[in-house]
C-alpha atoms as a PDB file:
ATOM      1  CA  UNK A   1     -14.078  -7.521  -8.821  1.00  0.00           C
ATOM      2  CA  UNK A   2     -13.104  -6.215 -12.234  1.00  0.00           C
ATOM      3  CA  UNK A   3     -10.688  -3.347 -12.674  1.00  0.00           C
ATOM      4  CA  UNK A   4      -9.802  -1.401 -15.765  1.00  0.00           C
ATOM      5  CA  UNK A   5      -6.239  -1.067 -16.985  1.00  0.00           C
ATOM      6  CA  UNK A   6      -6.134   2.507 -15.629  1.00  0.00           C
ATOM      7  CA  UNK A   7      -7.241   1.350 -12.191  1.00  0.00           C
ATOM      8  CA  UNK A   8      -4.542  -1.331 -12.157  1.00  0.00           C
ATOM      9  CA  UNK A   9      -1.960   1.258 -13.180  1.00  0.00           C
ATOM     10  CA  UNK A  10      -3.050   3.572 -10.347  1.00  0.00           C
ATOM     11  CA  UNK A  11      -2.878   0.740  -7.813  1.00  0.00           C
ATOM     12  CA  UNK A  12       0.576  -0.255  -9.051  1.00  0.00           C
ATOM     13  CA  UNK A  13       1.857   3.341  -8.890  1.00  0.00           C
ATOM     14  CA  UNK A  14       0.675   3.837  -5.303  1.00  0.00           C
ATOM     15  CA  UNK A  15       2.017   0.417  -4.292  1.00  0.00           C
ATOM     16  CA  UNK A  16       5.442   1.300  -5.674  1.00  0.00           C
ATOM     17  CA  UNK A  17       5.496   4.618  -3.800  1.00  0.00           C
ATOM     18  CA  UNK A  18       4.486   2.999  -0.517  1.00  0.00           C
ATOM     19  CA  UNK A  19       6.888   0.070  -0.748  1.00  0.00           C
ATOM     20  CA  UNK A  20       9.912   1.682  -2.335  1.00  0.00           C
ATOM     21  CA  UNK A  21      13.040   0.693  -0.462  1.00  0.00           C
ATOM     22  CA  UNK A  22      14.803   3.972  -1.214  1.00  0.00           C
ATOM     23  CA  UNK A  23      12.336   6.825  -0.845  1.00  0.00           C
ATOM     24  CA  UNK A  24      13.268  10.055  -2.584  1.00  0.00           C
ATOM     25  CA  UNK A  25      13.383  12.337   0.453  1.00  0.00           C
ATOM     26  CA  UNK A  26      15.474  15.463   0.565  1.00  0.00           C
ATOM     27  CA  UNK A  27      16.349  17.333   3.752  1.00  0.00           C
ATOM     28  CA  UNK A  28      14.831  20.776   4.295  1.00  0.00           C
ATOM     29  CA  UNK A  29      16.783  23.811   3.209  1.00  0.00           C
ATOM     30  CA  UNK A  30      18.516  25.851   5.880  1.00  0.00           C
ATOM     31  CA  UNK A  31      15.806  28.535   5.664  1.00  0.00           C
ATOM     32  CA  UNK A  32      13.001  25.949   5.998  1.00  0.00           C
ATOM     33  CA  UNK A  33      14.738  24.388   8.986  1.00  0.00           C
ATOM     34  CA  UNK A  34      15.219  27.733  10.738  1.00  0.00           C
ATOM     35  CA  UNK A  35      11.585  28.681  10.115  1.00  0.00           C
ATOM     36  CA  UNK A  36      10.392  25.346  11.544  1.00  0.00           C
ATOM     37  CA  UNK A  37      12.507  25.849  14.685  1.00  0.00           C
ATOM     38  CA  UNK A  38      11.185  29.378  15.143  1.00  0.00           C
ATOM     39  CA  UNK A  39       7.586  28.160  14.754  1.00  0.00           C
ATOM     40  CA  UNK A  40       8.183  25.371  17.281  1.00  0.00           C
ATOM     41  CA  UNK A  41       9.476  27.910  19.767  1.00  0.00           C
ATOM     42  CA  UNK A  42       6.473  30.152  19.144  1.00  0.00           C
ATOM     43  CA  UNK A  43       8.532  33.036  17.772  1.00  0.00           C
ATOM     44  CA  UNK A  44       7.297  33.089  14.163  1.00  0.00           C
END
């Protein structure tokens, strides 16, 4: 199986995202949280 340099770069990028020990995740804003709660309750 032969891969181009671009294909290797894409594989490496996805691998890094999947196996990163500290994912860059931010909590939802207060408005997003309230909207999600309302949707879960069937109000919105």
